[in-house]
Amino acid sequence: MKSSPLFFLSLFAALAFSLTALVLATNAQYGALAPYLDETAGAAFPQAPQGLAARGHMVYQDLGCAACHTQQVRRAGFASDKERGWGDRQSVARDYVHDDRVLLGDLRIGPDLTNFGARAAATGLDATGLLVLLHNGQGAMPGYPFLFVKQLVTGQRSPKALAIPGSPDCELAPTPRAEALAAYLLSLNAGHDYPETKPPAKPAAPEAGKK
């Protein structure tokens, strides 16, 4: 019993050291990351979402989209993310420097969304098409009709509203939350290369006759 205080003091010291080494030191290391300045492109990457897209990140979080989608592309050879067209390179810490809360997700009921904006541009999916998808849902993805307001058409149709089949006198107007979510999803593009995303250079082969 005489050594009890020393035992608990040693235990506390061990826990404090572990916390410092594993949590605080790691946070300091990754917290010091900054966007990468690409002198060729004359811009820094990743670029922070602006305006509607920035507000859409909060809508994405509020709706719990991370429960069914991930935003992390695994490295080639470890999984089939590249073969599925989700990204040409693995995600790295620098991809998330602008995120106050990183929504990596842990289930893929739906596809990974890390590069959704790039895939949408390649397939011709625009904001209107995405709004239709958000309203109707698709496959395992539910629809979000509460993000839209049904209203009578008075005069000219709203350019942002969706038509209702069989109801030519009504339309579905997207709420600001719907527009923000669509803008955020279309902004997702983590395809820029950083120094840490490039494979390490292979050592030169030794010349013949030299050890």
Foldseek 3Di string as FASTA:
>chain_A
DVCVVVVVVVVVVVVVVCCCVPPVVVCVVLLPDDFDQDVVVRDTPDDADDDLLNVLVVLCVVVPVLQAEFQWQDAPPVDCCVVVVNAPFTDDSNNCNNPPDHSGHDHHNDYHLQAQLVVCVVVVNDLLNVLVCQQPPDDPGHHDLVQWDKDFDDPDDDPQWADDPPCNGITIHGHSNSSSNSSNSNSRRPHDDDPVGDDDDDDDDDDPPDD
